[in-house]
C-alpha atoms as a PDB file:
ATOM      1  CA  UNK A   1     113.416  11.414 111.967  1.00  0.00           C
ATOM      2  CA  UNK A   2     111.371   9.185 109.650  1.00  0.00           C
ATOM      3  CA  UNK A   3     111.618   5.452 110.394  1.00  0.00           C
ATOM      4  CA  UNK A   4     111.951   3.087 107.436  1.00  0.00           C
ATOM      5  CA  UNK A   5     109.345   0.367 106.960  1.00  0.00           C
ATOM      6  CA  UNK A   6     110.262  -3.352 107.230  1.00  0.00           C
ATOM      7  CA  UNK A   7     109.728  -3.691 103.464  1.00  0.00           C
ATOM      8  CA  UNK A   8     112.108  -0.809 102.783  1.00  0.00           C
ATOM      9  CA  UNK A   9     114.701  -2.417 105.057  1.00  0.00           C
ATOM     10  CA  UNK A  10     114.468  -5.676 103.131  1.00  0.00           C
ATOM     11  CA  UNK A  11     114.827  -3.916  99.782  1.00  0.00           C
ATOM     12  CA  UNK A  12     117.904  -1.990 100.977  1.00  0.00           C
ATOM     13  CA  UNK A  13     119.457  -5.159 102.404  1.00  0.00           C
ATOM     14  CA  UNK A  14     118.882  -7.117  99.203  1.00  0.00           C
ATOM     15  CA  UNK A  15     120.302  -4.229  97.160  1.00  0.00           C
ATOM     16  CA  UNK A  16     123.490  -4.381  99.200  1.00  0.00           C
ATOM     17  CA  UNK A  17     123.690  -8.140  98.769  1.00  0.00           C
ATOM     18  CA  UNK A  18     123.281  -7.998  95.021  1.00  0.00           C
ATOM     19  CA  UNK A  19     125.299  -4.937  94.100  1.00  0.00           C
ATOM     20  CA  UNK A  20     127.703  -4.156  96.932  1.00  0.00           C
ATOM     21  CA  UNK A  21     128.632  -7.755  97.820  1.00  0.00           C
ATOM     22  CA  UNK A  22     128.565  -6.999 101.541  1.00  0.00           C
ATOM     23  CA  UNK A  23     126.180  -9.822 102.301  1.00  0.00           C
ATOM     24  CA  UNK A  24     127.872 -12.541 104.356  1.00  0.00           C
ATOM     25  CA  UNK A  25     128.082 -15.782 102.420  1.00  0.00           C
ATOM     26  CA  UNK A  26     126.333 -14.370  99.335  1.00  0.00           C
ATOM     27  CA  UNK A  27     128.595 -16.376  97.032  1.00  0.00           C
ATOM     28  CA  UNK A  28     128.023 -19.625  98.897  1.00  0.00           C
ATOM     29  CA  UNK A  29     124.928 -21.532  99.938  1.00  0.00           C
ATOM     30  CA  UNK A  30     123.528 -25.020  99.881  1.00  0.00           C
ATOM     31  CA  UNK A  31     125.325 -27.220  97.345  1.00  0.00           C
ATOM     32  CA  UNK A  32     123.337 -27.854  94.155  1.00  0.00           C
ATOM     33  CA  UNK A  33     121.102 -30.911  94.359  1.00  0.00           C
ATOM     34  CA  UNK A  34     122.622 -33.864  92.517  1.00  0.00           C
ATOM     35  CA  UNK A  35     119.296 -34.372  90.751  1.00  0.00           C
ATOM     36  CA  UNK A  36     119.796 -31.089  88.880  1.00  0.00           C
ATOM     37  CA  UNK A  37     122.827 -32.524  87.092  1.00  0.00           C
ATOM     38  CA  UNK A  38     120.477 -35.027  85.406  1.00  0.00           C
ATOM     39  CA  UNK A  39     117.143 -33.210  85.179  1.00  0.00           C
ATOM     40  CA  UNK A  40     116.161 -29.649  84.280  1.00  0.00           C
ATOM     41  CA  UNK A  41     115.754 -27.485  87.357  1.00  0.00           C
ATOM     42  CA  UNK A  42     114.702 -23.827  87.540  1.00  0.00           C
ATOM     43  CA  UNK A  43     117.722 -21.508  87.912  1.00  0.00           C
ATOM     44  CA  UNK A  44     118.000 -19.179  90.894  1.00  0.00           C
ATOM     45  CA  UNK A  45     120.279 -16.647  92.559  1.00  0.00           C
ATOM     46  CA  UNK A  46     121.458 -16.930  96.151  1.00  0.00           C
ATOM     47  CA  UNK A  47     120.835 -13.604  97.865  1.00  0.00           C
ATOM     48  CA  UNK A  48     122.096 -14.563 101.305  1.00  0.00           C
ATOM     49  CA  UNK A  49     123.002 -17.701 103.170  1.00  0.00           C
ATOM     50  CA  UNK A  50     123.161 -18.258 106.896  1.00  0.00           C
ATOM     51  CA  UNK A  51     123.783 -21.374 108.956  1.00  0.00           C
ATOM     52  CA  UNK A  52     120.072 -22.195 109.233  1.00  0.00           C
ATOM     53  CA  UNK A  53     118.552 -20.724 106.062  1.00  0.00           C
ATOM     54  CA  UNK A  54     119.157 -19.363 102.578  1.00  0.00           C
ATOM     55  CA  UNK A  55     117.449 -16.539 100.683  1.00  0.00           C
ATOM     56  CA  UNK A  56     116.943 -17.111  96.946  1.00  0.00           C
ATOM     57  CA  UNK A  57     115.467 -15.304  93.982  1.00  0.00           C
ATOM     58  CA  UNK A  58     113.889 -17.320  91.147  1.00  0.00           C
ATOM     59  CA  UNK A  59     112.963 -15.981  87.740  1.00  0.00           C
ATOM     60  CA  UNK A  60     109.287 -16.385  86.946  1.00  0.00           C
ATOM     61  CA  UNK A  61     108.613 -19.397  84.760  1.00  0.00           C
ATOM     62  CA  UNK A  62     105.821 -21.667  83.587  1.00  0.00           C
ATOM     63  CA  UNK A  63     104.819 -24.533  85.880  1.00  0.00           C
ATOM     64  CA  UNK A  64     101.923 -26.977  85.891  1.00  0.00           C
ATOM     65  CA  UNK A  65      99.700 -27.257  88.941  1.00  0.00           C
ATOM     66  CA  UNK A  66      97.484 -30.035  90.204  1.00  0.00           C
ATOM     67  CA  UNK A  67      94.057 -29.179  91.583  1.00  0.00           C
ATOM     68  CA  UNK A  68      93.932 -28.200  95.255  1.00  0.00           C
ATOM     69  CA  UNK A  69      93.708 -31.462  97.195  1.00  0.00           C
ATOM     70  CA  UNK A  70      92.228 -31.572 100.703  1.00  0.00           C
ATOM     71  CA  UNK A  71      93.873 -34.401 102.630  1.00  0.00           C
ATOM     72  CA  UNK A  72      94.406 -35.622 106.167  1.00  0.00           C
ATOM     73  CA  UNK A  73      98.169 -36.030 105.670  1.00  0.00           C
ATOM     74  CA  UNK A  74     100.952 -34.625 103.540  1.00  0.00           C
ATOM     75  CA  UNK A  75     101.618 -38.040 102.031  1.00  0.00           C
ATOM     76  CA  UNK A  76      98.024 -38.427 100.905  1.00  0.00           C
ATOM     77  CA  UNK A  77      97.718 -34.963  99.359  1.00  0.00           C
ATOM     78  CA  UNK A  78     101.169 -34.822  97.775  1.00  0.00           C
ATOM     79  CA  UNK A  79     100.949 -38.357  96.388  1.00  0.00           C
ATOM     80  CA  UNK A  80      97.610 -37.725  94.719  1.00  0.00           C
ATOM     81  CA  UNK A  81      98.772 -34.475  93.125  1.00  0.00           C
ATOM     82  CA  UNK A  82     102.073 -36.017  92.048  1.00  0.00           C
ATOM     83  CA  UNK A  83     100.332 -38.933  90.321  1.00  0.00           C
ATOM     84  CA  UNK A  84      98.104 -36.562  88.332  1.00  0.00           C
ATOM     85  CA  UNK A  85     101.027 -34.527  87.000  1.00  0.00           C
ATOM     86  CA  UNK A  86     103.360 -37.486  86.519  1.00  0.00           C
ATOM     87  CA  UNK A  87     100.723 -39.273  84.455  1.00  0.00           C
ATOM     88  CA  UNK A  88     100.407 -36.164  82.264  1.00  0.00           C
ATOM     89  CA  UNK A  89     104.192 -36.038  81.743  1.00  0.00           C
ATOM     90  CA  UNK A  90     104.184 -39.745  80.855  1.00  0.00           C
ATOM     91  CA  UNK A  91     101.826 -39.095  77.947  1.00  0.00           C
ATOM     92  CA  UNK A  92      98.380 -39.216  79.511  1.00  0.00           C
ATOM     93  CA  UNK A  93      97.304 -36.086  77.656  1.00  0.00           C
ATOM     94  CA  UNK A  94      95.221 -35.294  74.590  1.00  0.00           C
ATOM     95  CA  UNK A  95      98.179 -35.480  72.184  1.00  0.00           C
ATOM     96  CA  UNK A  96      99.784 -38.524  73.874  1.00  0.00           C
ATOM     97  CA  UNK A  97     103.087 -36.635  74.061  1.00  0.00           C
ATOM     98  CA  UNK A  98     105.692 -37.626  76.648  1.00  0.00           C
ATOM     99  CA  UNK A  99     107.415 -34.762  78.464  1.00  0.00           C
ATOM    100  CA  UNK A 100     110.852 -35.085  80.038  1.00  0.00           C
ATOM    101  CA  UNK A 101     110.651 -35.140  83.823  1.00  0.00           C
ATOM    102  CA  UNK A 102     112.052 -32.113  85.647  1.00  0.00           C
ATOM    103  CA  UNK A 103     112.955 -31.214  89.204  1.00  0.00           C
ATOM    104  CA  UNK A 104     112.171 -29.939  91.675  1.00  0.00           C
ATOM    105  CA  UNK A 105     108.587 -30.744  92.693  1.00  0.00           C
ATOM    106  CA  UNK A 106     106.874 -28.013  94.718  1.00  0.00           C
ATOM    107  CA  UNK A 107     103.951 -28.671  97.055  1.00  0.00           C
ATOM    108  CA  UNK A 108     102.098 -25.674  98.490  1.00  0.00           C
ATOM    109  CA  UNK A 109     100.616 -26.435 101.904  1.00  0.00           C
ATOM    110  CA  UNK A 110      97.802 -24.400 103.436  1.00  0.00           C
ATOM    111  CA  UNK A 111      95.250 -25.594 106.003  1.00  0.00           C
ATOM    112  CA  UNK A 112      95.514 -29.302 105.079  1.00  0.00           C
ATOM    113  CA  UNK A 113      95.168 -28.480 101.373  1.00  0.00           C
ATOM    114  CA  UNK A 114      97.947 -29.454  98.982  1.00  0.00           C
ATOM    115  CA  UNK A 115      98.785 -28.185  95.488  1.00  0.00           C
ATOM    116  CA  UNK A 116     101.560 -29.948  93.590  1.00  0.00           C
ATOM    117  CA  UNK A 117     103.635 -28.180  90.909  1.00  0.00           C
ATOM    118  CA  UNK A 118     105.946 -29.531  88.181  1.00  0.00           C
ATOM    119  CA  UNK A 119     108.472 -27.288  86.447  1.00  0.00           C
ATOM    120  CA  UNK A 120     107.917 -27.071  82.678  1.00  0.00           C
ATOM    121  CA  UNK A 121     110.973 -27.900  80.480  1.00  0.00           C
ATOM    122  CA  UNK A 122     112.641 -24.974  78.719  1.00  0.00           C
ATOM    123  CA  UNK A 123     111.446 -26.066  75.268  1.00  0.00           C
ATOM    124  CA  UNK A 124     107.878 -25.383  76.404  1.00  0.00           C
ATOM    125  CA  UNK A 125     108.672 -22.138  78.222  1.00  0.00           C
ATOM    126  CA  UNK A 126     108.751 -20.304  74.895  1.00  0.00           C
ATOM    127  CA  UNK A 127     107.635 -21.405  71.470  1.00  0.00           C
ATOM    128  CA  UNK A 128     106.551 -25.039  71.657  1.00  0.00           C
ATOM    129  CA  UNK A 129     103.003 -25.502  72.951  1.00  0.00           C
ATOM    130  CA  UNK A 130     102.348 -27.847  75.838  1.00  0.00           C
ATOM    131  CA  UNK A 131     100.120 -30.875  75.200  1.00  0.00           C
ATOM    132  CA  UNK A 132      96.533 -30.364  76.339  1.00  0.00           C
ATOM    133  CA  UNK A 133      95.743 -32.034  79.674  1.00  0.00           C
ATOM    134  CA  UNK A 134      92.758 -34.335  79.932  1.00  0.00           C
ATOM    135  CA  UNK A 135      89.801 -32.291  81.284  1.00  0.00           C
ATOM    136  CA  UNK A 136      89.279 -34.708  84.175  1.00  0.00           C
ATOM    137  CA  UNK A 137      92.790 -34.058  85.524  1.00  0.00           C
ATOM    138  CA  UNK A 138      92.117 -30.345  86.200  1.00  0.00           C
ATOM    139  CA  UNK A 139      95.745 -29.448  85.506  1.00  0.00           C
ATOM    140  CA  UNK A 140      96.408 -25.722  85.132  1.00  0.00           C
ATOM    141  CA  UNK A 141      99.288 -23.581  83.883  1.00  0.00           C
ATOM    142  CA  UNK A 142     100.680 -21.196  86.491  1.00  0.00           C
ATOM    143  CA  UNK A 143     103.517 -18.708  86.707  1.00  0.00           C
ATOM    144  CA  UNK A 144     105.851 -19.220  89.666  1.00  0.00           C
ATOM    145  CA  UNK A 145     107.170 -18.040  91.982  1.00  0.00           C
ATOM    146  CA  UNK A 146     104.379 -15.893  93.362  1.00  0.00           C
ATOM    147  CA  UNK A 147     106.905 -14.003  95.475  1.00  0.00           C
ATOM    148  CA  UNK A 148     110.129 -12.174  94.654  1.00  0.00           C
ATOM    149  CA  UNK A 149     112.156 -14.083  97.249  1.00  0.00           C
ATOM    150  CA  UNK A 150     112.002 -17.365  99.122  1.00  0.00           C
ATOM    151  CA  UNK A 151     113.533 -18.250 102.466  1.00  0.00           C
ATOM    152  CA  UNK A 152     114.768 -21.840 102.308  1.00  0.00           C
ATOM    153  CA  UNK A 153     115.731 -24.472 104.869  1.00  0.00           C
ATOM    154  CA  UNK A 154     117.095 -27.832 103.712  1.00  0.00           C
ATOM    155  CA  UNK A 155     116.470 -31.115 105.508  1.00  0.00           C
ATOM    156  CA  UNK A 156     117.067 -34.776 104.785  1.00  0.00           C
ATOM    157  CA  UNK A 157     115.155 -38.010 105.272  1.00  0.00           C
ATOM    158  CA  UNK A 158     111.729 -38.895 103.976  1.00  0.00           C
ATOM    159  CA  UNK A 159     109.184 -36.124 103.504  1.00  0.00           C
ATOM    160  CA  UNK A 160     106.194 -36.564 105.782  1.00  0.00           C
ATOM    161  CA  UNK A 161     104.267 -34.664 108.436  1.00  0.00           C
ATOM    162  CA  UNK A 162     106.803 -35.743 111.060  1.00  0.00           C
ATOM    163  CA  UNK A 163     109.793 -34.240 109.218  1.00  0.00           C
ATOM    164  CA  UNK A 164     108.076 -31.208 107.699  1.00  0.00           C
ATOM    165  CA  UNK A 165     106.744 -29.773 110.973  1.00  0.00           C
ATOM    166  CA  UNK A 166     110.122 -29.328 112.717  1.00  0.00           C
ATOM    167  CA  UNK A 167     111.746 -28.074 109.503  1.00  0.00           C
ATOM    168  CA  UNK A 168     109.201 -25.312 108.887  1.00  0.00           C
ATOM    169  CA  UNK A 169     109.139 -24.391 112.596  1.00  0.00           C
ATOM    170  CA  UNK A 170     112.937 -24.075 112.589  1.00  0.00           C
ATOM    171  CA  UNK A 171     112.856 -21.925 109.446  1.00  0.00           C
ATOM    172  CA  UNK A 172     110.276 -19.569 110.942  1.00  0.00           C
ATOM    173  CA  UNK A 173     112.311 -19.299 114.146  1.00  0.00           C
ATOM    174  CA  UNK A 174     115.601 -18.679 112.343  1.00  0.00           C
ATOM    175  CA  UNK A 175     114.081 -15.751 110.420  1.00  0.00           C
ATOM    176  CA  UNK A 176     113.119 -13.893 113.585  1.00  0.00           C
ATOM    177  CA  UNK A 177     115.239 -10.795 114.149  1.00  0.00           C
ATOM    178  CA  UNK A 178     116.426 -10.718 110.521  1.00  0.00           C
ATOM    179  CA  UNK A 179     115.350  -8.428 107.656  1.00  0.00           C
ATOM    180  CA  UNK A 180     113.322 -11.401 106.386  1.00  0.00           C
ATOM    181  CA  UNK A 181     111.185 -12.043 109.451  1.00  0.00           C
ATOM    182  CA  UNK A 182     108.024 -10.977 107.599  1.00  0.00           C
ATOM    183  CA  UNK A 183     108.239 -14.307 105.740  1.00  0.00           C
ATOM    184  CA  UNK A 184     107.851 -16.213 109.003  1.00  0.00           C
ATOM    185  CA  UNK A 185     104.273 -14.952 109.409  1.00  0.00           C
ATOM    186  CA  UNK A 186     103.022 -16.509 106.175  1.00  0.00           C
ATOM    187  CA  UNK A 187     100.366 -19.167 106.724  1.00  0.00           C
ATOM    188  CA  UNK A 188     101.191 -20.981 103.491  1.00  0.00           C
ATOM    189  CA  UNK A 189     104.533 -22.695 103.029  1.00  0.00           C
ATOM    190  CA  UNK A 190     106.026 -24.820 100.286  1.00  0.00           C
ATOM    191  CA  UNK A 191     107.762 -28.179 100.385  1.00  0.00           C
ATOM    192  CA  UNK A 192     110.384 -28.751  97.683  1.00  0.00           C
ATOM    193  CA  UNK A 193     111.403 -32.283  96.773  1.00  0.00           C
ATOM    194  CA  UNK A 194     114.308 -33.096  94.468  1.00  0.00           C
ATOM    195  CA  UNK A 195     114.238 -36.902  94.582  1.00  0.00           C
ATOM    196  CA  UNK A 196     111.953 -39.686  93.480  1.00  0.00           C
ATOM    197  CA  UNK A 197     109.477 -40.751  96.174  1.00  0.00           C
ATOM    198  CA  UNK A 198     111.079 -44.197  95.915  1.00  0.00           C
ATOM    199  CA  UNK A 199     114.503 -42.940  96.981  1.00  0.00           C
ATOM    200  CA  UNK A 200     115.000 -43.623 100.676  1.00  0.00           C
ATOM    201  CA  UNK A 201     118.506 -42.271 101.420  1.00  0.00           C
ATOM    202  CA  UNK A 202     120.661 -39.233 100.563  1.00  0.00           C
ATOM    203  CA  UNK A 203     117.615 -37.158  99.810  1.00  0.00           C
ATOM    204  CA  UNK A 204     117.480 -33.376  99.323  1.00  0.00           C
ATOM    205  CA  UNK A 205     114.323 -31.753 100.690  1.00  0.00           C
ATOM    206  CA  UNK A 206     113.502 -28.132 101.446  1.00  0.00           C
ATOM    207  CA  UNK A 207     110.819 -25.974 103.026  1.00  0.00           C
ATOM    208  CA  UNK A 208     110.175 -22.504 101.590  1.00  0.00           C
ATOM    209  CA  UNK A 209     108.517 -19.315 102.801  1.00  0.00           C
ATOM    210  CA  UNK A 210     107.871 -16.670 100.146  1.00  0.00           C
ATOM    211  CA  UNK A 211     107.970 -12.891 100.554  1.00  0.00           C
ATOM    212  CA  UNK A 212     108.326  -9.667  98.565  1.00  0.00           C
END
């Protein structure tokens, strides 16, 4: 008897979730972040939700990326990348055009290197051209997500190395023994922040692991 591959198992499981509605909790999930009632956020579908994680699918869309920033800490790398993109949105671009701020902010983390991403407003997704970044900022256009699905774990408090490490470790552990355990092996992970860095309480933060 031919054994199915892990990838085939995932595809079959997701098919059932989407079209047969036999996936436990598929209609539930983490509550929407309050920030997304005020700012544009990328839409997504909840594929499955469990007590310790959620599986989502995002449509590919245009984002802006900071340069890759080597840094000793998350705060250092994320702050530098955030300032570059935030300055661009505030009008520090060739055309001096201000862009409405969006949420969420994504920070890819790999081997002490950080890349910050801002979601591009819908008006610039099709039709209207984005203002040209200043050459010194090294801002690039990218299409995200890179993966078909993301495994998500939400956590609160400030985002720093001390809160990220247990959150990503718990997400990896919770995926073991599930159809999504391949995601746990990924070296790169993503931190998603929905709130201003100045907000100290009632924050919504997430860690993501992508997979196909």
